[in-house]
Structures are given as C-alpha cells and as structure tokens.
PDB file of all heavy atoms in Angstrom:
ATOM      1  N   VAL A   1       0.828  -1.187  -0.054  1.00  0.00           N
ATOM      2  CA  VAL A   1      -0.023   0.010  -0.035  1.00  0.00           C
ATOM      3  C   VAL A   1       0.899   1.316  -0.015  1.00  0.00           C
ATOM      4  O   VAL A   1       1.100   1.904   1.117  1.00  0.00           O
ATOM      5  CB  VAL A   1      -0.974  -0.013   1.160  1.00  0.00           C
ATOM      6  CG1 VAL A   1      -1.900   1.157   1.033  1.00  0.00           C
ATOM      7  CG2 VAL A   1      -1.747  -1.255   1.249  1.00  0.00           C
ATOM      8  N   ILE A   2       1.346   1.670  -1.216  1.00  0.00           N
ATOM      9  CA  ILE A   2       2.052   2.924  -1.306  1.00  0.00           C
ATOM     10  C   ILE A   2       1.364   3.779  -2.331  1.00  0.00           C
ATOM     11  O   ILE A   2       1.815   4.945  -2.507  1.00  0.00           O
ATOM     12  CB  ILE A   2       3.503   2.650  -1.770  1.00  0.00           C
ATOM     13  CG1 ILE A   2       3.632   1.929  -3.135  1.00  0.00           C
ATOM     14  CG2 ILE A   2       4.300   1.868  -0.703  1.00  0.00           C
ATOM     15  CD1 ILE A   2       5.016   1.832  -3.730  1.00  0.00           C
ATOM     16  N   ASN A   3       0.287   3.231  -2.927  1.00  0.00           N
ATOM     17  CA  ASN A   3      -0.455   4.074  -3.982  1.00  0.00           C
ATOM     18  C   ASN A   3      -1.324   5.127  -3.241  1.00  0.00           C
ATOM     19  O   ASN A   3      -1.525   4.986  -2.014  1.00  0.00           O
ATOM     20  CB  ASN A   3      -1.376   3.254  -4.778  1.00  0.00           C
ATOM     21  CG  ASN A   3      -0.568   2.149  -5.662  1.00  0.00           C
ATOM     22  OD1 ASN A   3       0.447   1.661  -5.310  1.00  0.00           O
ATOM     23  ND2 ASN A   3      -1.178   1.872  -6.808  1.00  0.00           N
ATOM     24  N   THR A   4      -1.852   6.001  -3.982  1.00  0.00           N
ATOM     25  CA  THR A   4      -2.823   6.898  -3.410  1.00  0.00           C
ATOM     26  C   THR A   4      -4.063   6.091  -2.999  1.00  0.00           C
ATOM     27  O   THR A   4      -4.400   5.156  -3.809  1.00  0.00           O
ATOM     28  CB  THR A   4      -3.264   7.949  -4.500  1.00  0.00           C
ATOM     29  OG1 THR A   4      -2.236   8.857  -4.682  1.00  0.00           O
ATOM     30  CG2 THR A   4      -4.513   8.737  -4.009  1.00  0.00           C
ATOM     31  N   MET A   5      -4.638   6.304  -1.830  1.00  0.00           N
ATOM     32  CA  MET A   5      -5.744   5.646  -1.410  1.00  0.00           C
ATOM     33  C   MET A   5      -6.994   6.650  -1.351  1.00  0.00           C
ATOM     34  O   MET A   5      -6.774   7.778  -1.216  1.00  0.00           O
ATOM     35  CB  MET A   5      -5.596   5.104   0.022  1.00  0.00           C
ATOM     36  CG  MET A   5      -4.395   4.092   0.133  1.00  0.00           C
ATOM     37  SD  MET A   5      -4.738   2.607  -0.792  1.00  0.00           S
ATOM     38  CE  MET A   5      -6.147   1.904   0.224  1.00  0.00           C
ATOM     39  N   ALA A   6      -8.160   6.088  -1.538  1.00  0.00           N
ATOM     40  CA  ALA A   6      -9.364   6.962  -1.586  1.00  0.00           C
ATOM     41  C   ALA A   6     -10.566   6.303  -1.099  1.00  0.00           C
ATOM     42  O   ALA A   6     -10.662   5.102  -0.985  1.00  0.00           O
ATOM     43  CB  ALA A   6      -9.586   7.347  -3.031  1.00  0.00           C
ATOM     44  N   TRP A   7     -11.541   7.138  -0.602  1.00  0.00           N
ATOM     45  CA  TRP A   7     -12.846   6.678  -0.219  1.00  0.00           C
ATOM     46  C   TRP A   7     -13.861   7.159  -1.270  1.00  0.00           C
ATOM     47  O   TRP A   7     -13.775   8.399  -1.677  1.00  0.00           O
ATOM     48  CB  TRP A   7     -13.241   7.159   1.168  1.00  0.00           C
ATOM     49  CG  TRP A   7     -12.505   6.485   2.227  1.00  0.00           C
ATOM     50  CD1 TRP A   7     -11.476   6.859   2.863  1.00  0.00           C
ATOM     51  CD2 TRP A   7     -12.978   5.275   2.835  1.00  0.00           C
ATOM     52  NE1 TRP A   7     -11.105   6.042   3.872  1.00  0.00           N
ATOM     53  CE2 TRP A   7     -12.057   4.965   3.841  1.00  0.00           C
ATOM     54  CE3 TRP A   7     -14.013   4.384   2.669  1.00  0.00           C
ATOM     55  CZ2 TRP A   7     -12.160   3.844   4.700  1.00  0.00           C
ATOM     56  CZ3 TRP A   7     -14.085   3.346   3.494  1.00  0.00           C
ATOM     57  CH2 TRP A   7     -13.163   3.048   4.466  1.00  0.00           C
ATOM     58  N   TYR A   8     -14.689   6.281  -1.767  1.00  0.00           N
ATOM     59  CA  TYR A   8     -15.756   6.673  -2.691  1.00  0.00           C
ATOM     60  C   TYR A   8     -17.052   6.319  -2.019  1.00  0.00           C
ATOM     61  O   TYR A   8     -17.140   5.535  -1.015  1.00  0.00           O
ATOM     62  CB  TYR A   8     -15.614   5.817  -3.988  1.00  0.00           C
ATOM     63  CG  TYR A   8     -14.528   6.220  -4.912  1.00  0.00           C
ATOM     64  CD1 TYR A   8     -13.230   5.931  -4.600  1.00  0.00           C
ATOM     65  CD2 TYR A   8     -14.790   6.873  -6.109  1.00  0.00           C
ATOM     66  CE1 TYR A   8     -12.143   6.281  -5.457  1.00  0.00           C
ATOM     67  CE2 TYR A   8     -13.736   7.236  -6.998  1.00  0.00           C
ATOM     68  CZ  TYR A   8     -12.422   6.966  -6.682  1.00  0.00           C
ATOM     69  OH  TYR A   8     -11.437   7.311  -7.493  1.00  0.00           O
ATOM     70  N   ARG A   9     -18.117   6.821  -2.534  1.00  0.00           N
ATOM     71  CA  ARG A   9     -19.407   6.509  -2.047  1.00  0.00           C
ATOM     72  C   ARG A   9     -20.413   6.376  -3.190  1.00  0.00           C
ATOM     73  O   ARG A   9     -20.232   7.028  -4.197  1.00  0.00           O
ATOM     74  CB  ARG A   9     -19.917   7.427  -0.965  1.00  0.00           C
ATOM     75  CG  ARG A   9     -20.284   8.817  -1.412  1.00  0.00           C
ATOM     76  CD  ARG A   9     -20.589   9.692  -0.231  1.00  0.00           C
ATOM     77  NE  ARG A   9     -20.967  11.049  -0.700  1.00  0.00           N
ATOM     78  CZ  ARG A   9     -21.125  12.064   0.182  1.00  0.00           C
ATOM     79  NH1 ARG A   9     -21.061  11.884   1.558  1.00  0.00           N
ATOM     80  NH2 ARG A   9     -21.491  13.234  -0.311  1.00  0.00           N
ATOM     81  N   GLN A  10     -21.481   5.568  -2.989  1.00  0.00           N
ATOM     82  CA  GLN A  10     -22.489   5.481  -3.971  1.00  0.00           C
ATOM     83  C   GLN A  10     -23.819   5.309  -3.297  1.00  0.00           C
ATOM     84  O   GLN A  10     -24.062   4.362  -2.552  1.00  0.00           O
ATOM     85  CB  GLN A  10     -22.233   4.281  -4.915  1.00  0.00           C
ATOM     86  CG  GLN A  10     -23.178   4.103  -6.131  1.00  0.00           C
ATOM     87  CD  GLN A  10     -22.756   3.178  -7.066  1.00  0.00           C
ATOM     88  OE1 GLN A  10     -21.992   2.252  -6.782  1.00  0.00           O
ATOM     89  NE2 GLN A  10     -23.180   3.279  -8.313  1.00  0.00           N
ATOM     90  N   ALA A  11     -24.750   6.185  -3.546  1.00  0.00           N
ATOM     91  CA  ALA A  11     -26.100   6.148  -3.072  1.00  0.00           C
ATOM     92  C   ALA A  11     -26.978   5.422  -4.191  1.00  0.00           C
ATOM     93  O   ALA A  11     -26.589   5.361  -5.342  1.00  0.00           O
ATOM     94  CB  ALA A  11     -26.696   7.508  -2.891  1.00  0.00           C
ATOM     95  N   PRO A  12     -28.101   4.744  -3.684  1.00  0.00           N
ATOM     96  CA  PRO A  12     -28.899   4.065  -4.713  1.00  0.00           C
ATOM     97  C   PRO A  12     -29.368   4.935  -5.896  1.00  0.00           C
ATOM     98  O   PRO A  12     -29.831   6.016  -5.664  1.00  0.00           O
ATOM     99  CB  PRO A  12     -30.111   3.640  -3.867  1.00  0.00           C
ATOM    100  CG  PRO A  12     -29.552   3.567  -2.513  1.00  0.00           C
ATOM    101  CD  PRO A  12     -28.557   4.643  -2.357  1.00  0.00           C
ATOM    102  N   GLY A  13     -29.118   4.374  -7.090  1.00  0.00           N
ATOM    103  CA  GLY A  13     -29.556   5.113  -8.320  1.00  0.00           C
ATOM    104  C   GLY A  13     -28.613   6.318  -8.635  1.00  0.00           C
ATOM    105  O   GLY A  13     -28.928   6.998  -9.628  1.00  0.00           O
ATOM    106  N   LYS A  14     -27.448   6.483  -7.992  1.00  0.00           N
ATOM    107  CA  LYS A  14     -26.641   7.532  -8.259  1.00  0.00           C
ATOM    108  C   LYS A  14     -25.294   7.033  -8.672  1.00  0.00           C
ATOM    109  O   LYS A  14     -24.933   5.859  -8.425  1.00  0.00           O
ATOM    110  CB  LYS A  14     -26.439   8.435  -7.043  1.00  0.00           C
ATOM    111  CG  LYS A  14     -27.728   9.145  -6.665  1.00  0.00           C
ATOM    112  CD  LYS A  14     -27.487  10.194  -5.574  1.00  0.00           C
ATOM    113  CE  LYS A  14     -26.739  11.379  -6.154  1.00  0.00           C
ATOM    114  NZ  LYS A  14     -26.621  12.498  -5.072  1.00  0.00           N
ATOM    115  N   GLN A  15     -24.483   7.848  -9.338  1.00  0.00           N
ATOM    116  CA  GLN A  15     -23.100   7.503  -9.739  1.00  0.00           C
ATOM    117  C   GLN A  15     -22.166   7.445  -8.568  1.00  0.00           C
ATOM    118  O   GLN A  15     -22.279   8.305  -7.537  1.00  0.00           O
ATOM    119  CB  GLN A  15     -22.649   8.531 -10.774  1.00  0.00           C
ATOM    120  CG  GLN A  15     -21.361   8.134 -11.486  1.00  0.00           C
ATOM    121  CD  GLN A  15     -21.689   7.222 -12.585  1.00  0.00           C
ATOM    122  OE1 GLN A  15     -22.781   6.939 -12.944  1.00  0.00           O
ATOM    123  NE2 GLN A  15     -20.557   6.690 -13.202  1.00  0.00           N
ATOM    124  N   ARG A  16     -21.243   6.514  -8.604  1.00  0.00           N
ATOM    125  CA  ARG A  16     -20.269   6.473  -7.638  1.00  0.00           C
ATOM    126  C   ARG A  16     -19.306   7.733  -7.635  1.00  0.00           C
ATOM    127  O   ARG A  16     -18.938   8.126  -8.706  1.00  0.00           O
ATOM    128  CB  ARG A  16     -19.472   5.213  -7.748  1.00  0.00           C
ATOM    129  CG  ARG A  16     -18.436   4.949  -6.570  1.00  0.00           C
ATOM    130  CD  ARG A  16     -17.835   3.603  -6.649  1.00  0.00           C
ATOM    131  NE  ARG A  16     -18.793   2.497  -6.580  1.00  0.00           N
ATOM    132  CZ  ARG A  16     -18.431   1.219  -6.582  1.00  0.00           C
ATOM    133  NH1 ARG A  16     -17.196   0.834  -6.645  1.00  0.00           N
ATOM    134  NH2 ARG A  16     -19.460   0.333  -6.605  1.00  0.00           N
ATOM    135  N   GLU A  17     -19.022   8.353  -6.455  1.00  0.00           N
ATOM    136  CA  GLU A  17     -18.203   9.514  -6.477  1.00  0.00           C
ATOM    137  C   GLU A  17     -17.047   9.396  -5.464  1.00  0.00           C
ATOM    138  O   GLU A  17     -17.234   8.771  -4.421  1.00  0.00           O
ATOM    139  CB  GLU A  17     -19.069  10.722  -6.156  1.00  0.00           C
ATOM    140  CG  GLU A  17     -19.681  10.692  -4.781  1.00  0.00           C
ATOM    141  CD  GLU A  17     -20.420  11.979  -4.432  1.00  0.00           C
ATOM    142  OE1 GLU A  17     -20.238  13.009  -5.092  1.00  0.00           O
ATOM    143  OE2 GLU A  17     -21.273  11.961  -3.417  1.00  0.00           O
ATOM    144  N   MET A  18     -15.985  10.109  -5.793  1.00  0.00           N
ATOM    145  CA  MET A  18     -14.918  10.119  -4.866  1.00  0.00           C
ATOM    146  C   MET A  18     -15.184  11.192  -3.767  1.00  0.00           C
ATOM    147  O   MET A  18     -15.493  12.283  -4.113  1.00  0.00           O
ATOM    148  CB  MET A  18     -13.575  10.414  -5.493  1.00  0.00           C
ATOM    149  CG  MET A  18     -12.352  10.255  -4.559  1.00  0.00           C
ATOM    150  SD  MET A  18     -10.828  11.034  -5.197  1.00  0.00           S
ATOM    151  CE  MET A  18     -11.112  12.732  -4.874  1.00  0.00           C
ATOM    152  N   VAL A  19     -14.942  10.867  -2.480  1.00  0.00           N
ATOM    153  CA  VAL A  19     -15.206  11.756  -1.460  1.00  0.00           C
ATOM    154  C   VAL A  19     -13.894  12.302  -0.776  1.00  0.00           C
ATOM    155  O   VAL A  19     -13.824  13.482  -0.267  1.00  0.00           O
ATOM    156  CB  VAL A  19     -16.208  11.288  -0.364  1.00  0.00           C
ATOM    157  CG1 VAL A  19     -17.503  11.026  -1.015  1.00  0.00           C
ATOM    158  CG2 VAL A  19     -15.600   9.993   0.285  1.00  0.00           C
ATOM    159  N   ALA A  20     -12.834  11.517  -0.800  1.00  0.00           N
ATOM    160  CA  ALA A  20     -11.580  11.866  -0.250  1.00  0.00           C
ATOM    161  C   ALA A  20     -10.484  11.009  -0.787  1.00  0.00           C
ATOM    162  O   ALA A  20     -10.681   9.819  -1.030  1.00  0.00           O
ATOM    163  CB  ALA A  20     -11.671  11.831   1.348  1.00  0.00           C
ATOM    164  N   SER A  21      -9.295  11.523  -0.863  1.00  0.00           N
ATOM    165  CA  SER A  21      -8.121  10.746  -1.270  1.00  0.00           C
ATOM    166  C   SER A  21      -6.884  11.265  -0.462  1.00  0.00           C
ATOM    167  O   SER A  21      -6.899  12.364  -0.038  1.00  0.00           O
ATOM    168  CB  SER A  21      -7.878  10.861  -2.770  1.00  0.00           C
ATOM    169  OG  SER A  21      -7.456  12.189  -3.132  1.00  0.00           O
ATOM    170  N   ILE A  22      -5.908  10.345  -0.426  1.00  0.00           N
ATOM    171  CA  ILE A  22      -4.672  10.729   0.289  1.00  0.00           C
ATOM    172  C   ILE A  22      -3.501   9.990  -0.465  1.00  0.00           C
ATOM    173  O   ILE A  22      -3.611   8.782  -0.679  1.00  0.00           O
ATOM    174  CB  ILE A  22      -4.821  10.383   1.774  1.00  0.00           C
ATOM    175  CG1 ILE A  22      -3.438  10.893   2.486  1.00  0.00           C
ATOM    176  CG2 ILE A  22      -5.061   8.936   2.018  1.00  0.00           C
ATOM    177  CD1 ILE A  22      -3.630  10.797   3.972  1.00  0.00           C
ATOM    178  N   THR A  23      -2.509  10.688  -0.724  1.00  0.00           N
ATOM    179  CA  THR A  23      -1.296  10.114  -1.276  1.00  0.00           C
ATOM    180  C   THR A  23      -0.382   9.540  -0.186  1.00  0.00           C
ATOM    181  O   THR A  23      -0.676   9.683   0.989  1.00  0.00           O
ATOM    182  CB  THR A  23      -0.381  11.168  -2.038  1.00  0.00           C
ATOM    183  OG1 THR A  23       0.152  12.098  -1.135  1.00  0.00           O
ATOM    184  CG2 THR A  23      -1.308  11.977  -3.015  1.00  0.00           C
ATOM    185  N   TYR A  24       0.567   8.761  -0.632  1.00  0.00           N
ATOM    186  CA  TYR A  24       1.500   8.039   0.343  1.00  0.00           C
ATOM    187  C   TYR A  24       2.220   9.123   1.146  1.00  0.00           C
ATOM    188  O   TYR A  24       2.567   8.913   2.332  1.00  0.00           O
ATOM    189  CB  TYR A  24       2.472   7.186  -0.421  1.00  0.00           C
ATOM    190  CG  TYR A  24       3.297   6.369   0.551  1.00  0.00           C
ATOM    191  CD1 TYR A  24       2.774   5.283   1.279  1.00  0.00           C
ATOM    192  CD2 TYR A  24       4.666   6.561   0.798  1.00  0.00           C
ATOM    193  CE1 TYR A  24       3.482   4.504   2.166  1.00  0.00           C
ATOM    194  CE2 TYR A  24       5.415   5.810   1.626  1.00  0.00           C
ATOM    195  CZ  TYR A  24       4.821   4.761   2.271  1.00  0.00           C
ATOM    196  OH  TYR A  24       5.539   4.065   3.168  1.00  0.00           O
ATOM    197  N   SER A  25       2.462  10.337   0.609  1.00  0.00           N
ATOM    198  CA  SER A  25       3.164  11.378   1.333  1.00  0.00           C
ATOM    199  C   SER A  25       2.251  12.182   2.212  1.00  0.00           C
ATOM    200  O   SER A  25       2.677  13.086   2.948  1.00  0.00           O
ATOM    201  CB  SER A  25       3.838  12.312   0.304  1.00  0.00           C
ATOM    202  OG  SER A  25       3.018  13.017  -0.586  1.00  0.00           O
ATOM    203  N   GLY A  26       0.878  11.915   2.078  1.00  0.00           N
ATOM    204  CA  GLY A  26       0.007  12.655   2.920  1.00  0.00           C
ATOM    205  C   GLY A  26      -0.791  13.802   2.314  1.00  0.00           C
ATOM    206  O   GLY A  26      -1.608  14.360   3.144  1.00  0.00           O
ATOM    207  N   SER A  27      -0.691  14.066   1.063  1.00  0.00           N
ATOM    208  CA  SER A  27      -1.419  15.104   0.433  1.00  0.00           C
ATOM    209  C   SER A  27      -2.890  14.621   0.347  1.00  0.00           C
ATOM    210  O   SER A  27      -3.119  13.466  -0.103  1.00  0.00           O
ATOM    211  CB  SER A  27      -0.904  15.461  -0.938  1.00  0.00           C
ATOM    212  OG  SER A  27       0.374  15.989  -0.806  1.00  0.00           O
ATOM    213  N   THR A  28      -3.841  15.505   0.627  1.00  0.00           N
ATOM    214  CA  THR A  28      -5.278  15.083   0.613  1.00  0.00           C
ATOM    215  C   THR A  28      -6.124  15.891  -0.378  1.00  0.00           C
ATOM    216  O   THR A  28      -5.740  17.057  -0.715  1.00  0.00           O
ATOM    217  CB  THR A  28      -5.891  15.161   2.029  1.00  0.00           C
ATOM    218  OG1 THR A  28      -5.732  16.485   2.459  1.00  0.00           O
ATOM    219  CG2 THR A  28      -5.203  14.271   3.024  1.00  0.00           C
ATOM    220  N   ASN A  29      -7.200  15.344  -0.730  1.00  0.00           N
ATOM    221  CA  ASN A  29      -8.151  16.015  -1.595  1.00  0.00           C
ATOM    222  C   ASN A  29      -9.539  15.587  -1.158  1.00  0.00           C
ATOM    223  O   ASN A  29      -9.776  14.390  -0.846  1.00  0.00           O
ATOM    224  CB  ASN A  29      -7.917  15.689  -3.058  1.00  0.00           C
ATOM    225  CG  ASN A  29      -8.694  16.518  -4.010  1.00  0.00           C
ATOM    226  OD1 ASN A  29      -8.947  17.632  -3.743  1.00  0.00           O
ATOM    227  ND2 ASN A  29      -9.007  15.982  -5.171  1.00  0.00           N
ATOM    228  N   TYR A  30     -10.520  16.527  -1.192  1.00  0.00           N
ATOM    229  CA  TYR A  30     -11.895  16.187  -0.763  1.00  0.00           C
ATOM    230  C   TYR A  30     -12.847  16.778  -1.685  1.00  0.00           C
ATOM    231  O   TYR A  30     -12.691  17.707  -2.408  1.00  0.00           O
ATOM    232  CB  TYR A  30     -12.117  16.918   0.636  1.00  0.00           C
ATOM    233  CG  TYR A  30     -11.301  16.363   1.740  1.00  0.00           C
ATOM    234  CD1 TYR A  30     -10.052  17.059   2.073  1.00  0.00           C
ATOM    235  CD2 TYR A  30     -11.673  15.289   2.475  1.00  0.00           C
ATOM    236  CE1 TYR A  30      -9.272  16.629   3.108  1.00  0.00           C
ATOM    237  CE2 TYR A  30     -10.851  14.825   3.512  1.00  0.00           C
ATOM    238  CZ  TYR A  30      -9.689  15.439   3.848  1.00  0.00           C
ATOM    239  OH  TYR A  30      -8.889  15.048   4.843  1.00  0.00           O
ATOM    240  N   ALA A  31     -13.987  16.017  -1.778  1.00  0.00           N
ATOM    241  CA  ALA A  31     -15.167  16.590  -2.569  1.00  0.00           C
ATOM    242  C   ALA A  31     -15.662  17.801  -1.779  1.00  0.00           C
ATOM    243  O   ALA A  31     -15.655  17.860  -0.572  1.00  0.00           O
ATOM    244  CB  ALA A  31     -16.178  15.463  -2.621  1.00  0.00           C
ATOM    245  N   ASP A  32     -16.138  18.813  -2.496  1.00  0.00           N
ATOM    246  CA  ASP A  32     -16.687  19.983  -1.883  1.00  0.00           C
ATOM    247  C   ASP A  32     -17.743  19.689  -0.815  1.00  0.00           C
ATOM    248  O   ASP A  32     -17.853  20.342   0.175  1.00  0.00           O
ATOM    249  CB  ASP A  32     -17.238  20.944  -2.984  1.00  0.00           C
ATOM    250  CG  ASP A  32     -16.153  21.590  -3.828  1.00  0.00           C
ATOM    251  OD1 ASP A  32     -14.986  21.573  -3.388  1.00  0.00           O
ATOM    252  OD2 ASP A  32     -16.453  22.103  -4.896  1.00  0.00           O
ATOM    253  N   SER A  33     -18.569  18.667  -1.119  1.00  0.00           N
ATOM    254  CA  SER A  33     -19.738  18.373  -0.163  1.00  0.00           C
ATOM    255  C   SER A  33     -19.199  17.912   1.197  1.00  0.00           C
ATOM    256  O   SER A  33     -20.039  17.839   2.110  1.00  0.00           O
ATOM    257  CB  SER A  33     -20.645  17.373  -0.797  1.00  0.00           C
ATOM    258  OG  SER A  33     -19.857  16.124  -1.101  1.00  0.00           O
ATOM    259  N   VAL A  34     -18.061  17.533   1.338  1.00  0.00           N
ATOM    260  CA  VAL A  34     -17.546  16.960   2.569  1.00  0.00           C
ATOM    261  C   VAL A  34     -16.436  17.774   3.241  1.00  0.00           C
ATOM    262  O   VAL A  34     -16.056  17.424   4.381  1.00  0.00           O
ATOM    263  CB  VAL A  34     -17.122  15.488   2.460  1.00  0.00           C
ATOM    264  CG1 VAL A  34     -18.185  14.605   1.821  1.00  0.00           C
ATOM    265  CG2 VAL A  34     -15.844  15.331   1.722  1.00  0.00           C
ATOM    266  N   LYS A  35     -15.940  18.812   2.572  1.00  0.00           N
ATOM    267  CA  LYS A  35     -14.887  19.634   3.187  1.00  0.00           C
ATOM    268  C   LYS A  35     -15.262  20.174   4.461  1.00  0.00           C
ATOM    269  O   LYS A  35     -16.393  20.734   4.605  1.00  0.00           O
ATOM    270  CB  LYS A  35     -14.519  20.723   2.185  1.00  0.00           C
ATOM    271  CG  LYS A  35     -13.704  20.251   0.929  1.00  0.00           C
ATOM    272  CD  LYS A  35     -13.322  21.397   0.021  1.00  0.00           C
ATOM    273  CE  LYS A  35     -12.495  20.938  -1.129  1.00  0.00           C
ATOM    274  NZ  LYS A  35     -12.195  22.000  -2.119  1.00  0.00           N
ATOM    275  N   GLY A  36     -14.410  20.134   5.442  1.00  0.00           N
ATOM    276  CA  GLY A  36     -14.643  20.667   6.752  1.00  0.00           C
ATOM    277  C   GLY A  36     -15.380  19.740   7.715  1.00  0.00           C
ATOM    278  O   GLY A  36     -15.468  19.946   8.882  1.00  0.00           O
ATOM    279  N   ARG A  37     -15.878  18.603   7.210  1.00  0.00           N
ATOM    280  CA  ARG A  37     -16.548  17.616   7.898  1.00  0.00           C
ATOM    281  C   ARG A  37     -15.853  16.254   7.964  1.00  0.00           C
ATOM    282  O   ARG A  37     -15.880  15.523   8.938  1.00  0.00           O
ATOM    283  CB  ARG A  37     -18.061  17.386   7.339  1.00  0.00           C
ATOM    284  CG  ARG A  37     -18.855  18.687   7.458  1.00  0.00           C
ATOM    285  CD  ARG A  37     -20.283  18.358   7.089  1.00  0.00           C
ATOM    286  NE  ARG A  37     -20.449  17.804   5.713  1.00  0.00           N
ATOM    287  CZ  ARG A  37     -20.875  16.618   5.383  1.00  0.00           C
ATOM    288  NH1 ARG A  37     -21.370  15.834   6.408  1.00  0.00           N
ATOM    289  NH2 ARG A  37     -21.026  16.240   4.207  1.00  0.00           N
ATOM    290  N   PHE A  38     -15.222  15.825   6.845  1.00  0.00           N
ATOM    291  CA  PHE A  38     -14.559  14.573   6.703  1.00  0.00           C
ATOM    292  C   PHE A  38     -13.037  14.814   6.813  1.00  0.00           C
ATOM    293  O   PHE A  38     -12.525  15.757   6.246  1.00  0.00           O
ATOM    294  CB  PHE A  38     -14.884  13.857   5.449  1.00  0.00           C
ATOM    295  CG  PHE A  38     -16.319  13.357   5.409  1.00  0.00           C
ATOM    296  CD1 PHE A  38     -17.323  13.693   6.304  1.00  0.00           C
ATOM    297  CD2 PHE A  38     -16.754  12.515   4.332  1.00  0.00           C
ATOM    298  CE1 PHE A  38     -18.635  13.271   6.204  1.00  0.00           C
ATOM    299  CE2 PHE A  38     -18.024  12.025   4.267  1.00  0.00           C
ATOM    300  CZ  PHE A  38     -19.019  12.402   5.176  1.00  0.00           C
ATOM    301  N   THR A  39     -12.286  13.813   7.344  1.00  0.00           N
ATOM    302  CA  THR A  39     -10.867  13.821   7.331  1.00  0.00           C
ATOM    303  C   THR A  39     -10.381  12.455   6.992  1.00  0.00           C
ATOM    304  O   THR A  39     -10.698  11.471   7.599  1.00  0.00           O
ATOM    305  CB  THR A  39     -10.222  14.256   8.734  1.00  0.00           C
ATOM    306  OG1 THR A  39     -10.799  15.522   9.002  1.00  0.00           O
ATOM    307  CG2 THR A  39      -8.774  14.339   8.641  1.00  0.00           C
ATOM    308  N   ILE A  40      -9.517  12.411   5.996  1.00  0.00           N
ATOM    309  CA  ILE A  40      -8.957  11.105   5.572  1.00  0.00           C
ATOM    310  C   ILE A  40      -7.506  11.086   6.122  1.00  0.00           C
ATOM    311  O   ILE A  40      -6.830  12.048   6.179  1.00  0.00           O
ATOM    312  CB  ILE A  40      -8.927  10.869   4.081  1.00  0.00           C
ATOM    313  CG1 ILE A  40      -8.520   9.545   3.676  1.00  0.00           C
ATOM    314  CG2 ILE A  40      -8.037  11.978   3.402  1.00  0.00           C
ATOM    315  CD1 ILE A  40      -8.698   9.252   2.220  1.00  0.00           C
ATOM    316  N   SER A  41      -7.085   9.992   6.579  1.00  0.00           N
ATOM    317  CA  SER A  41      -5.713   9.780   7.032  1.00  0.00           C
ATOM    318  C   SER A  41      -5.291   8.302   6.794  1.00  0.00           C
ATOM    319  O   SER A  41      -6.032   7.421   6.509  1.00  0.00           O
ATOM    320  CB  SER A  41      -5.758  10.087   8.610  1.00  0.00           C
ATOM    321  OG  SER A  41      -6.610   9.125   9.296  1.00  0.00           O
ATOM    322  N   ARG A  42      -3.990   8.101   6.937  1.00  0.00           N
ATOM    323  CA  ARG A  42      -3.418   6.791   6.707  1.00  0.00           C
ATOM    324  C   ARG A  42      -2.284   6.548   7.747  1.00  0.00           C
ATOM    325  O   ARG A  42      -1.541   7.437   8.067  1.00  0.00           O
ATOM    326  CB  ARG A  42      -2.974   6.577   5.261  1.00  0.00           C
ATOM    327  CG  ARG A  42      -1.716   7.461   4.879  1.00  0.00           C
ATOM    328  CD  ARG A  42      -1.485   7.374   3.332  1.00  0.00           C
ATOM    329  NE  ARG A  42      -1.285   6.015   2.809  1.00  0.00           N
ATOM    330  CZ  ARG A  42      -1.426   5.730   1.525  1.00  0.00           C
ATOM    331  NH1 ARG A  42      -1.690   6.666   0.617  1.00  0.00           N
ATOM    332  NH2 ARG A  42      -1.159   4.443   1.163  1.00  0.00           N
ATOM    333  N   ASP A  43      -2.190   5.282   8.099  1.00  0.00           N
ATOM    334  CA  ASP A  43      -1.132   4.790   8.998  1.00  0.00           C
ATOM    335  C   ASP A  43      -0.269   3.925   8.159  1.00  0.00           C
ATOM    336  O   ASP A  43      -0.621   2.863   7.787  1.00  0.00           O
ATOM    337  CB  ASP A  43      -1.781   4.090  10.129  1.00  0.00           C
ATOM    338  CG  ASP A  43      -0.725   3.703  11.210  1.00  0.00           C
ATOM    339  OD1 ASP A  43       0.381   3.277  10.825  1.00  0.00           O
ATOM    340  OD2 ASP A  43      -1.069   3.703  12.437  1.00  0.00           O
ATOM    341  N   LYS A  44       0.990   4.470   7.830  1.00  0.00           N
ATOM    342  CA  LYS A  44       1.917   3.724   6.968  1.00  0.00           C
ATOM    343  C   LYS A  44       2.436   2.448   7.683  1.00  0.00           C
ATOM    344  O   LYS A  44       2.718   1.468   7.004  1.00  0.00           O
ATOM    345  CB  LYS A  44       3.063   4.589   6.587  1.00  0.00           C
ATOM    346  CG  LYS A  44       2.653   5.779   5.813  1.00  0.00           C
ATOM    347  CD  LYS A  44       3.747   6.730   5.451  1.00  0.00           C
ATOM    348  CE  LYS A  44       3.412   7.954   4.680  1.00  0.00           C
ATOM    349  NZ  LYS A  44       4.493   8.876   4.373  1.00  0.00           N
TER     350      LYS A  44
END
C-alpha cells in the first residue's frame, strides 16, 4: 500500500463519487460536499 488511497461512495440510483483521497506522502483532496466535515488519514 504505497499508492494513493481513496474513499468513494454510492447512493442508490446515483453515480459513484470520490469523497476523499490521500497520497502516500499525505497530500489530501476532498469533494466539496464533505470539506470541513470529513478527514482522511493513513497509517503507513
């Protein structure tokens, strides 16, 4: 596990979407809908 890791979600009848991702170095990215509420982290 050295690749970028991500969380996706899919509601019934809707397209799967990425909600958060994190690189091996710790850089993160979030969907606008979850910014300020969700936090992604990894334990190497």
